[in-house]
Amino acid sequence: MADLEQAKTILREMLQNRGADKTICPSEAARALASADWREIMPLVREAAQLLLSEGILRIEQKGVPVDPALVRGPVRYRLLTTDATPNTEPAYLGGPKFSHDEIEKAKELKRLGLRWMPRPGHYVWDDEGLIEKSSPFQPQVYFILDLKHFFRRAGSIERLQDLLVWLPTWEDIRLILGGLGLTDEMIAQHLEQTRAVEAGNECKQ
């Protein structure tokens, strides 16, 4: 059974052979790792790609456009960013949601008000306590939870993780929260239209 390091190695080799002007499909790497059971290897390939993304070695694209793997749906492809397999010393911004100062402060306020949050893969978090020592590949102090076990090991417990980090909900997360409160998409859209929040670029704060 292939492991994470093998998956990273295969991805690096395939990307270098293909060159920066072409892309590879995740399934190509999975088939190279396990031709018969390649579908079972796909989660491992995605995790390896996320790590190479954070190292500035590859970019994840959909229809030629860089995308955030946590938010995009549908098929994606990988493109080489560096000419060798050596990680960049300065991580590049990955093109995911960039949280403004106001949005981060609003997220802190929601935490103070008691917003319940259960950490899970796919969440963005604000680390104001220095829990994560490695530099963020997004913006300073903003991290993406890919492997919850890594964050759990740093914090020691889910409760301490919840206490130390601030959840930064995306627009999709906010829609789910509001839906749980009984607000339909139509009601949300009407409110955003009335407040002109989308035009002002602050729909998450509304």
Foldseek 3Di string as FASTA:
>chain_A
DDALVLLLVLLQVVQLVVDQVDWAFLLVSLCVVPVVPSVVCSLSNVVSVVVCLQLQFKFKADPRHGDDVLPDDDTIIIGGRDNHSHGDPQAAARPYDDDDPVLVVLLVVCVVVPDDDQDDASWKKAAPPCLDVDAANHDGRIHGPHDVVVSCVSQVHRVSSSVRIGTRDDPVRVQVVVVVVVADPVNLVVVCVVVVCVVVVNSVND
